[in-house]
């Protein structure tokens, strides 16, 4: 009885400002397994990106302050071969590139329409450092710069884990870059290329590209844990047999939450394959249908569906914190 009461107190405290849905979900936890639920893992998606401009040192610092276990970095490559933290392959959404370099675009035909895009790989690091990467989010972040991955590692190290994503390796391959080797070389320079090298800074590498992860696990002999991201673009892997194949080169899957909500048995498939499961992405600005707020939504996936971790733009709303 004492254990049950303590569980109720902890979980009710964690659910303050949450909806009655979250409370009902959490109250269904069996008391004998409560200990395992205190170890759920929080990955800050692009940092605390609901409260600060994504993939900036400001967003990373805030994520750590809000209790992130890991901070995610999407990685792109500059013209001069430097890894930088940016989600998009292009710069126009989150910087003032159109003002600083108005004529340095490429015209891309999309669905019969010509579009202007400023690609990261067309600019040197020095040029990218001239861009404002914060004003698009809010004027108080005016002048914030795009960080290199080296700067991100130095900022986060010792405070949280690193969860880099290898972005569009096939695109960078066409431009002469081996993004997988660049990532590992940077980790090696920081002494973080082996599991447990720094207990305060664990590293997990993720990608949507099976080819990229297979290369790292096989040819490159990468010992760090690898996670394969799965969504609509590669849902052919989403099956019991597909998960078994993923296990050959990865230790876990990152799964689009909409696929998981429509088929909760995916958790069982992952467990049977020996894979961890981390759904994405939970945002207060885009709460799933049927939930009052993002904390309630996260609680459902963590405790009812029993996933291991999740990606969120709102580290401060994580139910375990």
C-alpha atoms as a PDB file:
ATOM      1  CA  UNK A   1       0.000   0.000   0.000  1.00  0.00           C
ATOM      2  CA  UNK A   2       2.835   2.413   0.787  1.00  0.00           C
ATOM      3  CA  UNK A   3       4.378   1.801  -2.635  1.00  0.00           C
ATOM      4  CA  UNK A   4       1.045   2.453  -4.341  1.00  0.00           C
ATOM      5  CA  UNK A   5       0.546   5.711  -2.443  1.00  0.00           C
ATOM      6  CA  UNK A   6       4.028   6.948  -3.286  1.00  0.00           C
ATOM      7  CA  UNK A   7       3.437   6.142  -6.919  1.00  0.00           C
ATOM      8  CA  UNK A   8       0.214   8.115  -6.920  1.00  0.00           C
ATOM      9  CA  UNK A   9       1.847  11.125  -5.286  1.00  0.00           C
ATOM     10  CA  UNK A  10       4.759  11.199  -7.727  1.00  0.00           C
ATOM     11  CA  UNK A  11       2.632  10.769 -10.809  1.00  0.00           C
ATOM     12  CA  UNK A  12      -0.055  13.204  -9.747  1.00  0.00           C
ATOM     13  CA  UNK A  13       2.609  15.804  -9.038  1.00  0.00           C
ATOM     14  CA  UNK A  14       4.114  15.204 -12.479  1.00  0.00           C
ATOM     15  CA  UNK A  15       0.694  15.652 -14.064  1.00  0.00           C
ATOM     16  CA  UNK A  16      -0.077  19.092 -12.620  1.00  0.00           C
ATOM     17  CA  UNK A  17      -1.667  21.217 -15.389  1.00  0.00           C
ATOM     18  CA  UNK A  18      -2.272  18.029 -17.377  1.00  0.00           C
ATOM     19  CA  UNK A  19      -5.646  16.737 -18.472  1.00  0.00           C
ATOM     20  CA  UNK A  20      -7.823  14.132 -16.812  1.00  0.00           C
ATOM     21  CA  UNK A  21      -6.878  11.861 -19.726  1.00  0.00           C
ATOM     22  CA  UNK A  22      -3.257  11.779 -18.569  1.00  0.00           C
ATOM     23  CA  UNK A  23      -4.286  11.059 -14.990  1.00  0.00           C
ATOM     24  CA  UNK A  24      -6.460   8.139 -16.036  1.00  0.00           C
ATOM     25  CA  UNK A  25      -3.711   6.732 -18.217  1.00  0.00           C
ATOM     26  CA  UNK A  26      -1.050   7.036 -15.546  1.00  0.00           C
ATOM     27  CA  UNK A  27      -3.244   5.630 -12.789  1.00  0.00           C
ATOM     28  CA  UNK A  28      -3.448   2.369 -14.720  1.00  0.00           C
ATOM     29  CA  UNK A  29       0.210   1.538 -14.142  1.00  0.00           C
ATOM     30  CA  UNK A  30       0.854  -1.711 -12.269  1.00  0.00           C
ATOM     31  CA  UNK A  31       2.671  -0.927  -9.025  1.00  0.00           C
ATOM     32  CA  UNK A  32       5.156  -3.775  -9.384  1.00  0.00           C
ATOM     33  CA  UNK A  33       6.612  -2.233 -12.554  1.00  0.00           C
ATOM     34  CA  UNK A  34       6.669   1.392 -11.468  1.00  0.00           C
ATOM     35  CA  UNK A  35      10.448   1.434 -11.093  1.00  0.00           C
ATOM     36  CA  UNK A  36      10.976   0.907 -14.809  1.00  0.00           C
ATOM     37  CA  UNK A  37       8.766   3.853 -15.678  1.00  0.00           C
ATOM     38  CA  UNK A  38      10.947   6.288 -13.779  1.00  0.00           C
ATOM     39  CA  UNK A  39      13.656   5.652 -16.388  1.00  0.00           C
ATOM     40  CA  UNK A  40      11.869   6.924 -19.482  1.00  0.00           C
ATOM     41  CA  UNK A  41      14.163   8.980 -21.693  1.00  0.00           C
ATOM     42  CA  UNK A  42      13.586  12.525 -22.927  1.00  0.00           C
ATOM     43  CA  UNK A  43      15.143  13.614 -26.226  1.00  0.00           C
ATOM     44  CA  UNK A  44      14.892  17.363 -26.851  1.00  0.00           C
ATOM     45  CA  UNK A  45      13.877  17.647 -30.508  1.00  0.00           C
ATOM     46  CA  UNK A  46      16.052  20.354 -32.071  1.00  0.00           C
ATOM     47  CA  UNK A  47      16.577  21.568 -28.510  1.00  0.00           C
ATOM     48  CA  UNK A  48      13.764  23.225 -26.575  1.00  0.00           C
ATOM     49  CA  UNK A  49      12.440  24.274 -29.952  1.00  0.00           C
ATOM     50  CA  UNK A  50       9.013  25.403 -28.808  1.00  0.00           C
ATOM     51  CA  UNK A  51      10.613  28.106 -26.650  1.00  0.00           C
ATOM     52  CA  UNK A  52      13.741  29.052 -28.616  1.00  0.00           C
ATOM     53  CA  UNK A  53      14.831  28.951 -32.271  1.00  0.00           C
ATOM     54  CA  UNK A  54      15.536  25.369 -33.250  1.00  0.00           C
ATOM     55  CA  UNK A  55      19.124  24.154 -33.516  1.00  0.00           C
ATOM     56  CA  UNK A  56      20.709  27.134 -31.798  1.00  0.00           C
ATOM     57  CA  UNK A  57      22.871  27.070 -28.700  1.00  0.00           C
ATOM     58  CA  UNK A  58      20.071  28.953 -26.974  1.00  0.00           C
ATOM     59  CA  UNK A  59      17.632  26.106 -27.693  1.00  0.00           C
ATOM     60  CA  UNK A  60      20.177  23.517 -26.548  1.00  0.00           C
ATOM     61  CA  UNK A  61      20.928  25.347 -23.277  1.00  0.00           C
ATOM     62  CA  UNK A  62      17.233  25.723 -22.516  1.00  0.00           C
ATOM     63  CA  UNK A  63      16.604  22.027 -23.226  1.00  0.00           C
ATOM     64  CA  UNK A  64      19.255  21.103 -20.667  1.00  0.00           C
ATOM     65  CA  UNK A  65      17.746  23.517 -18.135  1.00  0.00           C
ATOM     66  CA  UNK A  66      14.371  21.846 -18.737  1.00  0.00           C
ATOM     67  CA  UNK A  67      15.752  18.393 -17.960  1.00  0.00           C
ATOM     68  CA  UNK A  68      16.592  16.825 -21.327  1.00  0.00           C
ATOM     69  CA  UNK A  69      18.422  13.501 -21.155  1.00  0.00           C
ATOM     70  CA  UNK A  70      19.569  13.929 -24.773  1.00  0.00           C
ATOM     71  CA  UNK A  71      19.669  16.912 -27.113  1.00  0.00           C
ATOM     72  CA  UNK A  72      19.120  16.250 -30.814  1.00  0.00           C
ATOM     73  CA  UNK A  73      21.222  17.817 -33.562  1.00  0.00           C
ATOM     74  CA  UNK A  74      20.299  17.564 -37.242  1.00  0.00           C
ATOM     75  CA  UNK A  75      23.539  17.742 -39.214  1.00  0.00           C
ATOM     76  CA  UNK A  76      24.218  19.419 -42.555  1.00  0.00           C
ATOM     77  CA  UNK A  77      27.522  20.152 -44.324  1.00  0.00           C
ATOM     78  CA  UNK A  78      28.879  23.497 -45.510  1.00  0.00           C
ATOM     79  CA  UNK A  79      30.665  24.082 -48.811  1.00  0.00           C
ATOM     80  CA  UNK A  80      33.992  23.817 -46.995  1.00  0.00           C
ATOM     81  CA  UNK A  81      33.099  20.539 -45.292  1.00  0.00           C
ATOM     82  CA  UNK A  82      32.055  21.643 -41.810  1.00  0.00           C
ATOM     83  CA  UNK A  83      29.173  19.983 -39.962  1.00  0.00           C
ATOM     84  CA  UNK A  84      26.547  22.467 -38.798  1.00  0.00           C
ATOM     85  CA  UNK A  85      23.316  22.057 -36.868  1.00  0.00           C
ATOM     86  CA  UNK A  86      20.330  22.711 -39.095  1.00  0.00           C
ATOM     87  CA  UNK A  87      17.232  20.708 -39.895  1.00  0.00           C
ATOM     88  CA  UNK A  88      16.636  21.749 -43.489  1.00  0.00           C
ATOM     89  CA  UNK A  89      18.858  21.153 -46.468  1.00  0.00           C
ATOM     90  CA  UNK A  90      18.162  24.797 -47.331  1.00  0.00           C
ATOM     91  CA  UNK A  91      18.516  28.027 -45.365  1.00  0.00           C
ATOM     92  CA  UNK A  92      15.539  30.207 -46.208  1.00  0.00           C
ATOM     93  CA  UNK A  93      13.100  28.956 -43.560  1.00  0.00           C
ATOM     94  CA  UNK A  94      15.197  29.686 -40.475  1.00  0.00           C
ATOM     95  CA  UNK A  95      17.657  32.400 -41.533  1.00  0.00           C
ATOM     96  CA  UNK A  96      17.789  35.718 -43.383  1.00  0.00           C
ATOM     97  CA  UNK A  97      19.781  34.193 -46.250  1.00  0.00           C
ATOM     98  CA  UNK A  98      17.573  35.880 -48.852  1.00  0.00           C
ATOM     99  CA  UNK A  99      18.585  39.291 -47.519  1.00  0.00           C
ATOM    100  CA  UNK A 100      22.307  38.590 -47.124  1.00  0.00           C
ATOM    101  CA  UNK A 101      22.871  36.548 -50.289  1.00  0.00           C
ATOM    102  CA  UNK A 102      19.868  37.367 -52.508  1.00  0.00           C
ATOM    103  CA  UNK A 103      21.423  36.038 -55.715  1.00  0.00           C
ATOM    104  CA  UNK A 104      23.021  32.818 -54.378  1.00  0.00           C
ATOM    105  CA  UNK A 105      20.039  30.538 -54.896  1.00  0.00           C
ATOM    106  CA  UNK A 106      19.399  27.525 -57.075  1.00  0.00           C
ATOM    107  CA  UNK A 107      16.190  27.179 -59.032  1.00  0.00           C
ATOM    108  CA  UNK A 108      14.532  23.844 -58.397  1.00  0.00           C
ATOM    109  CA  UNK A 109      11.559  22.528 -60.320  1.00  0.00           C
ATOM    110  CA  UNK A 110       8.964  21.125 -57.946  1.00  0.00           C
ATOM    111  CA  UNK A 111       5.719  19.716 -59.334  1.00  0.00           C
ATOM    112  CA  UNK A 112       6.113  21.875 -62.419  1.00  0.00           C
ATOM    113  CA  UNK A 113       6.811  25.036 -60.432  1.00  0.00           C
ATOM    114  CA  UNK A 114      10.219  26.720 -60.306  1.00  0.00           C
ATOM    115  CA  UNK A 115      11.321  27.485 -56.718  1.00  0.00           C
ATOM    116  CA  UNK A 116      14.329  29.362 -55.321  1.00  0.00           C
ATOM    117  CA  UNK A 117      16.344  27.576 -52.663  1.00  0.00           C
ATOM    118  CA  UNK A 118      19.545  28.459 -50.832  1.00  0.00           C
ATOM    119  CA  UNK A 119      21.319  25.168 -50.077  1.00  0.00           C
ATOM    120  CA  UNK A 120      23.664  24.759 -47.120  1.00  0.00           C
ATOM    121  CA  UNK A 121      26.317  23.065 -49.260  1.00  0.00           C
ATOM    122  CA  UNK A 122      26.628  26.194 -51.435  1.00  0.00           C
ATOM    123  CA  UNK A 123      27.915  28.346 -48.556  1.00  0.00           C
ATOM    124  CA  UNK A 124      31.093  28.311 -46.491  1.00  0.00           C
ATOM    125  CA  UNK A 125      30.996  28.319 -42.701  1.00  0.00           C
ATOM    126  CA  UNK A 126      32.187  31.930 -42.664  1.00  0.00           C
ATOM    127  CA  UNK A 127      29.228  32.888 -44.839  1.00  0.00           C
ATOM    128  CA  UNK A 128      26.745  30.958 -42.706  1.00  0.00           C
ATOM    129  CA  UNK A 129      28.055  32.672 -39.569  1.00  0.00           C
ATOM    130  CA  UNK A 130      26.907  35.991 -41.059  1.00  0.00           C
ATOM    131  CA  UNK A 131      23.288  34.853 -41.020  1.00  0.00           C
ATOM    132  CA  UNK A 132      20.663  35.657 -38.395  1.00  0.00           C
ATOM    133  CA  UNK A 133      19.201  32.325 -37.287  1.00  0.00           C
ATOM    134  CA  UNK A 134      16.941  33.672 -34.544  1.00  0.00           C
ATOM    135  CA  UNK A 135      14.782  36.579 -35.713  1.00  0.00           C
ATOM    136  CA  UNK A 136      12.421  34.310 -37.658  1.00  0.00           C
ATOM    137  CA  UNK A 137      11.387  32.815 -34.302  1.00  0.00           C
ATOM    138  CA  UNK A 138      11.209  36.016 -32.236  1.00  0.00           C
ATOM    139  CA  UNK A 139      12.914  39.396 -32.286  1.00  0.00           C
ATOM    140  CA  UNK A 140      14.493  38.759 -28.867  1.00  0.00           C
ATOM    141  CA  UNK A 141      16.660  36.108 -30.563  1.00  0.00           C
ATOM    142  CA  UNK A 142      17.909  38.530 -33.194  1.00  0.00           C
ATOM    143  CA  UNK A 143      21.528  37.869 -34.123  1.00  0.00           C
ATOM    144  CA  UNK A 144      21.637  34.238 -32.962  1.00  0.00           C
ATOM    145  CA  UNK A 145      23.936  32.196 -35.209  1.00  0.00           C
ATOM    146  CA  UNK A 146      23.915  28.710 -36.713  1.00  0.00           C
ATOM    147  CA  UNK A 147      26.175  26.552 -34.525  1.00  0.00           C
ATOM    148  CA  UNK A 148      28.729  24.109 -35.816  1.00  0.00           C
ATOM    149  CA  UNK A 149      28.413  20.607 -34.479  1.00  0.00           C
ATOM    150  CA  UNK A 150      31.690  21.127 -32.660  1.00  0.00           C
ATOM    151  CA  UNK A 151      30.172  24.109 -30.845  1.00  0.00           C
ATOM    152  CA  UNK A 152      27.081  22.066 -29.994  1.00  0.00           C
ATOM    153  CA  UNK A 153      29.184  19.246 -28.545  1.00  0.00           C
ATOM    154  CA  UNK A 154      31.186  21.676 -26.455  1.00  0.00           C
ATOM    155  CA  UNK A 155      28.004  23.314 -25.174  1.00  0.00           C
ATOM    156  CA  UNK A 156      26.174  20.084 -24.321  1.00  0.00           C
ATOM    157  CA  UNK A 157      29.005  17.841 -23.162  1.00  0.00           C
ATOM    158  CA  UNK A 158      28.799  16.813 -19.531  1.00  0.00           C
ATOM    159  CA  UNK A 159      25.232  18.102 -19.209  1.00  0.00           C
ATOM    160  CA  UNK A 160      23.243  15.767 -21.493  1.00  0.00           C
ATOM    161  CA  UNK A 161      23.639  13.169 -24.208  1.00  0.00           C
ATOM    162  CA  UNK A 162      24.052  13.827 -27.932  1.00  0.00           C
ATOM    163  CA  UNK A 163      21.498  12.461 -30.412  1.00  0.00           C
ATOM    164  CA  UNK A 164      22.723  13.527 -33.875  1.00  0.00           C
ATOM    165  CA  UNK A 165      20.785  12.754 -37.035  1.00  0.00           C
ATOM    166  CA  UNK A 166      22.605  12.064 -40.278  1.00  0.00           C
ATOM    167  CA  UNK A 167      20.598  14.017 -42.834  1.00  0.00           C
ATOM    168  CA  UNK A 168      20.290  13.252 -46.559  1.00  0.00           C
ATOM    169  CA  UNK A 169      23.549  11.273 -46.934  1.00  0.00           C
ATOM    170  CA  UNK A 170      22.687  10.548 -50.562  1.00  0.00           C
ATOM    171  CA  UNK A 171      22.553  14.281 -51.367  1.00  0.00           C
ATOM    172  CA  UNK A 172      25.867  15.022 -49.704  1.00  0.00           C
ATOM    173  CA  UNK A 173      27.409  12.014 -51.415  1.00  0.00           C
ATOM    174  CA  UNK A 174      26.629  13.626 -54.771  1.00  0.00           C
ATOM    175  CA  UNK A 175      28.569  16.693 -53.632  1.00  0.00           C
ATOM    176  CA  UNK A 176      31.630  14.699 -52.625  1.00  0.00           C
ATOM    177  CA  UNK A 177      31.004  14.466 -48.875  1.00  0.00           C
ATOM    178  CA  UNK A 178      31.023  11.354 -46.711  1.00  0.00           C
ATOM    179  CA  UNK A 179      28.781  12.570 -43.909  1.00  0.00           C
ATOM    180  CA  UNK A 180      29.053   9.370 -41.868  1.00  0.00           C
ATOM    181  CA  UNK A 181      32.847   9.652 -41.670  1.00  0.00           C
ATOM    182  CA  UNK A 182      32.690  13.371 -40.917  1.00  0.00           C
ATOM    183  CA  UNK A 183      30.365  12.674 -38.003  1.00  0.00           C
ATOM    184  CA  UNK A 184      32.569   9.951 -36.577  1.00  0.00           C
ATOM    185  CA  UNK A 185      35.747  11.993 -37.082  1.00  0.00           C
ATOM    186  CA  UNK A 186      34.261  14.836 -35.022  1.00  0.00           C
ATOM    187  CA  UNK A 187      33.213  12.447 -32.293  1.00  0.00           C
ATOM    188  CA  UNK A 188      36.686  10.903 -32.284  1.00  0.00           C
ATOM    189  CA  UNK A 189      38.284  14.355 -31.913  1.00  0.00           C
ATOM    190  CA  UNK A 190      36.203  14.811 -28.782  1.00  0.00           C
ATOM    191  CA  UNK A 191      36.866  11.294 -27.489  1.00  0.00           C
ATOM    192  CA  UNK A 192      33.203  10.336 -27.843  1.00  0.00           C
ATOM    193  CA  UNK A 193      33.349   7.699 -30.573  1.00  0.00           C
ATOM    194  CA  UNK A 194      33.043   4.705 -28.219  1.00  0.00           C
ATOM    195  CA  UNK A 195      30.146   3.705 -25.927  1.00  0.00           C
ATOM    196  CA  UNK A 196      30.726   4.859 -22.357  1.00  0.00           C
ATOM    197  CA  UNK A 197      33.653   7.098 -23.304  1.00  0.00           C
ATOM    198  CA  UNK A 198      32.057   9.885 -21.275  1.00  0.00           C
ATOM    199  CA  UNK A 199      29.274   8.612 -18.971  1.00  0.00           C
ATOM    200  CA  UNK A 200      27.909  12.156 -18.712  1.00  0.00           C
ATOM    201  CA  UNK A 201      27.661  12.473 -22.489  1.00  0.00           C
ATOM    202  CA  UNK A 202      26.227   9.325 -24.090  1.00  0.00           C
ATOM    203  CA  UNK A 203      25.903   9.396 -27.883  1.00  0.00           C
ATOM    204  CA  UNK A 204      23.204   7.840 -30.081  1.00  0.00           C
ATOM    205  CA  UNK A 205      23.234   8.256 -33.869  1.00  0.00           C
ATOM    206  CA  UNK A 206      20.017   8.248 -35.909  1.00  0.00           C
ATOM    207  CA  UNK A 207      19.017   8.400 -39.569  1.00  0.00           C
ATOM    208  CA  UNK A 208      16.141   7.681 -41.940  1.00  0.00           C
ATOM    209  CA  UNK A 209      18.686   6.066 -44.266  1.00  0.00           C
ATOM    210  CA  UNK A 210      19.078   2.318 -43.858  1.00  0.00           C
ATOM    211  CA  UNK A 211      22.060   2.456 -46.225  1.00  0.00           C
ATOM    212  CA  UNK A 212      23.774   5.000 -43.999  1.00  0.00           C
ATOM    213  CA  UNK A 213      23.218   3.016 -40.816  1.00  0.00           C
ATOM    214  CA  UNK A 214      24.240  -0.246 -42.473  1.00  0.00           C
ATOM    215  CA  UNK A 215      27.437   1.422 -43.650  1.00  0.00           C
ATOM    216  CA  UNK A 216      28.213   2.616 -40.140  1.00  0.00           C
ATOM    217  CA  UNK A 217      27.419  -0.712 -38.494  1.00  0.00           C
ATOM    218  CA  UNK A 218      29.210  -2.793 -41.138  1.00  0.00           C
ATOM    219  CA  UNK A 219      31.958  -1.116 -43.132  1.00  0.00           C
ATOM    220  CA  UNK A 220      32.839   1.497 -40.494  1.00  0.00           C
ATOM    221  CA  UNK A 221      32.428  -0.768 -37.442  1.00  0.00           C
ATOM    222  CA  UNK A 222      30.759   2.000 -35.436  1.00  0.00           C
ATOM    223  CA  UNK A 223      30.187   0.782 -31.882  1.00  0.00           C
ATOM    224  CA  UNK A 224      27.840   3.565 -30.813  1.00  0.00           C
ATOM    225  CA  UNK A 225      24.106   2.746 -30.673  1.00  0.00           C
ATOM    226  CA  UNK A 226      22.297   3.387 -33.955  1.00  0.00           C
ATOM    227  CA  UNK A 227      18.596   4.199 -34.311  1.00  0.00           C
ATOM    228  CA  UNK A 228      16.607   3.983 -37.530  1.00  0.00           C
ATOM    229  CA  UNK A 229      13.927   6.605 -38.046  1.00  0.00           C
ATOM    230  CA  UNK A 230      10.705   5.340 -39.599  1.00  0.00           C
ATOM    231  CA  UNK A 231       7.793   7.252 -41.073  1.00  0.00           C
ATOM    232  CA  UNK A 232       5.658   7.469 -44.189  1.00  0.00           C
ATOM    233  CA  UNK A 233       8.714   7.822 -46.421  1.00  0.00           C
ATOM    234  CA  UNK A 234      10.096   4.412 -45.480  1.00  0.00           C
ATOM    235  CA  UNK A 235       7.201   2.590 -43.902  1.00  0.00           C
ATOM    236  CA  UNK A 236       8.075  -0.537 -45.879  1.00  0.00           C
ATOM    237  CA  UNK A 237      10.255  -1.362 -42.865  1.00  0.00           C
ATOM    238  CA  UNK A 238       7.272  -1.207 -40.501  1.00  0.00           C
ATOM    239  CA  UNK A 239       6.417  -4.888 -40.052  1.00  0.00           C
ATOM    240  CA  UNK A 240       7.588  -7.712 -37.791  1.00  0.00           C
ATOM    241  CA  UNK A 241       9.962  -8.875 -40.529  1.00  0.00           C
ATOM    242  CA  UNK A 242      11.124  -5.324 -41.203  1.00  0.00           C
ATOM    243  CA  UNK A 243      11.929  -4.747 -37.539  1.00  0.00           C
ATOM    244  CA  UNK A 244      13.919  -7.986 -37.466  1.00  0.00           C
ATOM    245  CA  UNK A 245      15.989  -6.677 -40.396  1.00  0.00           C
ATOM    246  CA  UNK A 246      16.527  -3.332 -38.651  1.00  0.00           C
ATOM    247  CA  UNK A 247      17.899  -5.203 -35.656  1.00  0.00           C
ATOM    248  CA  UNK A 248      20.764  -6.423 -37.852  1.00  0.00           C
ATOM    249  CA  UNK A 249      22.271  -2.913 -37.878  1.00  0.00           C
ATOM    250  CA  UNK A 250      20.484  -0.841 -35.219  1.00  0.00           C
ATOM    251  CA  UNK A 251      19.463  -1.088 -31.581  1.00  0.00           C
ATOM    252  CA  UNK A 252      16.272   0.935 -31.832  1.00  0.00           C
ATOM    253  CA  UNK A 253      13.679   2.671 -33.982  1.00  0.00           C
ATOM    254  CA  UNK A 254      12.390   6.217 -33.934  1.00  0.00           C
ATOM    255  CA  UNK A 255       8.795   6.006 -35.109  1.00  0.00           C
ATOM    256  CA  UNK A 256       6.317   8.579 -36.391  1.00  0.00           C
ATOM    257  CA  UNK A 257       3.780   8.765 -33.560  1.00  0.00           C
ATOM    258  CA  UNK A 258       0.858   8.708 -36.007  1.00  0.00           C
ATOM    259  CA  UNK A 259       1.874   5.235 -37.187  1.00  0.00           C
ATOM    260  CA  UNK A 260       2.151   4.024 -33.628  1.00  0.00           C
ATOM    261  CA  UNK A 261      -1.167   5.429 -32.461  1.00  0.00           C
ATOM    262  CA  UNK A 262      -2.899   3.720 -35.370  1.00  0.00           C
ATOM    263  CA  UNK A 263      -1.255   0.389 -34.571  1.00  0.00           C
ATOM    264  CA  UNK A 264      -0.106   0.013 -30.921  1.00  0.00           C
ATOM    265  CA  UNK A 265       1.062  -3.543 -31.681  1.00  0.00           C
ATOM    266  CA  UNK A 266       4.167  -1.928 -33.187  1.00  0.00           C
ATOM    267  CA  UNK A 267       5.541  -1.727 -29.657  1.00  0.00           C
ATOM    268  CA  UNK A 268       5.199  -5.488 -29.342  1.00  0.00           C
ATOM    269  CA  UNK A 269       6.862  -5.969 -32.728  1.00  0.00           C
ATOM    270  CA  UNK A 270       9.776  -3.802 -31.595  1.00  0.00           C
ATOM    271  CA  UNK A 271      10.091  -5.685 -28.302  1.00  0.00           C
ATOM    272  CA  UNK A 272      10.062  -9.033 -30.122  1.00  0.00           C
ATOM    273  CA  UNK A 273      12.860  -7.798 -32.383  1.00  0.00           C
ATOM    274  CA  UNK A 274      14.889  -6.533 -29.410  1.00  0.00           C
ATOM    275  CA  UNK A 275      14.573  -2.873 -30.457  1.00  0.00           C
ATOM    276  CA  UNK A 276      13.932   0.187 -28.324  1.00  0.00           C
ATOM    277  CA  UNK A 277      11.131   2.440 -29.578  1.00  0.00           C
ATOM    278  CA  UNK A 278      11.115   6.252 -29.502  1.00  0.00           C
ATOM    279  CA  UNK A 279       8.168   8.026 -31.172  1.00  0.00           C
ATOM    280  CA  UNK A 280       8.350  11.555 -32.614  1.00  0.00           C
ATOM    281  CA  UNK A 281       7.484  14.467 -32.435  1.00  0.00           C
ATOM    282  CA  UNK A 282       5.510  15.865 -29.484  1.00  0.00           C
ATOM    283  CA  UNK A 283       4.743  19.599 -29.657  1.00  0.00           C
ATOM    284  CA  UNK A 284       2.522  21.875 -27.607  1.00  0.00           C
ATOM    285  CA  UNK A 285       1.710  23.700 -30.850  1.00  0.00           C
ATOM    286  CA  UNK A 286       0.445  20.514 -32.500  1.00  0.00           C
ATOM    287  CA  UNK A 287      -1.194  18.253 -29.927  1.00  0.00           C
ATOM    288  CA  UNK A 288      -2.638  14.973 -31.127  1.00  0.00           C
ATOM    289  CA  UNK A 289      -6.385  14.677 -31.524  1.00  0.00           C
ATOM    290  CA  UNK A 290      -8.121  13.626 -28.327  1.00  0.00           C
ATOM    291  CA  UNK A 291      -5.526  15.054 -25.915  1.00  0.00           C
ATOM    292  CA  UNK A 292      -5.951  18.223 -23.914  1.00  0.00           C
ATOM    293  CA  UNK A 293      -2.266  19.119 -23.986  1.00  0.00           C
ATOM    294  CA  UNK A 294       1.139  17.781 -24.932  1.00  0.00           C
ATOM    295  CA  UNK A 295       1.876  16.450 -21.445  1.00  0.00           C
ATOM    296  CA  UNK A 296      -1.212  14.240 -21.627  1.00  0.00           C
ATOM    297  CA  UNK A 297      -0.251  13.065 -25.091  1.00  0.00           C
ATOM    298  CA  UNK A 298       3.275  12.169 -24.010  1.00  0.00           C
ATOM    299  CA  UNK A 299       1.958  10.366 -20.935  1.00  0.00           C
ATOM    300  CA  UNK A 300      -0.248   8.170 -23.119  1.00  0.00           C
ATOM    301  CA  UNK A 301       2.649   7.038 -25.294  1.00  0.00           C
ATOM    302  CA  UNK A 302       5.060   6.622 -22.387  1.00  0.00           C
ATOM    303  CA  UNK A 303       2.816   4.780 -19.963  1.00  0.00           C
ATOM    304  CA  UNK A 304      -0.068   3.227 -21.873  1.00  0.00           C
ATOM    305  CA  UNK A 305       1.782   2.231 -25.036  1.00  0.00           C
ATOM    306  CA  UNK A 306       4.971   1.713 -22.992  1.00  0.00           C
ATOM    307  CA  UNK A 307       7.538   3.269 -25.325  1.00  0.00           C
ATOM    308  CA  UNK A 308      11.097   3.752 -24.076  1.00  0.00           C
ATOM    309  CA  UNK A 309      11.620   7.423 -24.880  1.00  0.00           C
ATOM    310  CA  UNK A 310      10.258  10.189 -27.056  1.00  0.00           C
ATOM    311  CA  UNK A 311      11.267  13.253 -29.042  1.00  0.00           C
ATOM    312  CA  UNK A 312       9.649  16.495 -27.914  1.00  0.00           C
ATOM    313  CA  UNK A 313       9.906  20.226 -28.572  1.00  0.00           C
ATOM    314  CA  UNK A 314       8.729  20.724 -24.972  1.00  0.00           C
ATOM    315  CA  UNK A 315      11.205  19.168 -22.513  1.00  0.00           C
ATOM    316  CA  UNK A 316       9.553  21.064 -19.658  1.00  0.00           C
ATOM    317  CA  UNK A 317       6.282  19.155 -20.253  1.00  0.00           C
ATOM    318  CA  UNK A 318       7.822  15.668 -20.094  1.00  0.00           C
ATOM    319  CA  UNK A 319       5.677  13.654 -17.610  1.00  0.00           C
ATOM    320  CA  UNK A 320       8.684  12.115 -15.839  1.00  0.00           C
ATOM    321  CA  UNK A 321      10.231  15.484 -15.017  1.00  0.00           C
END
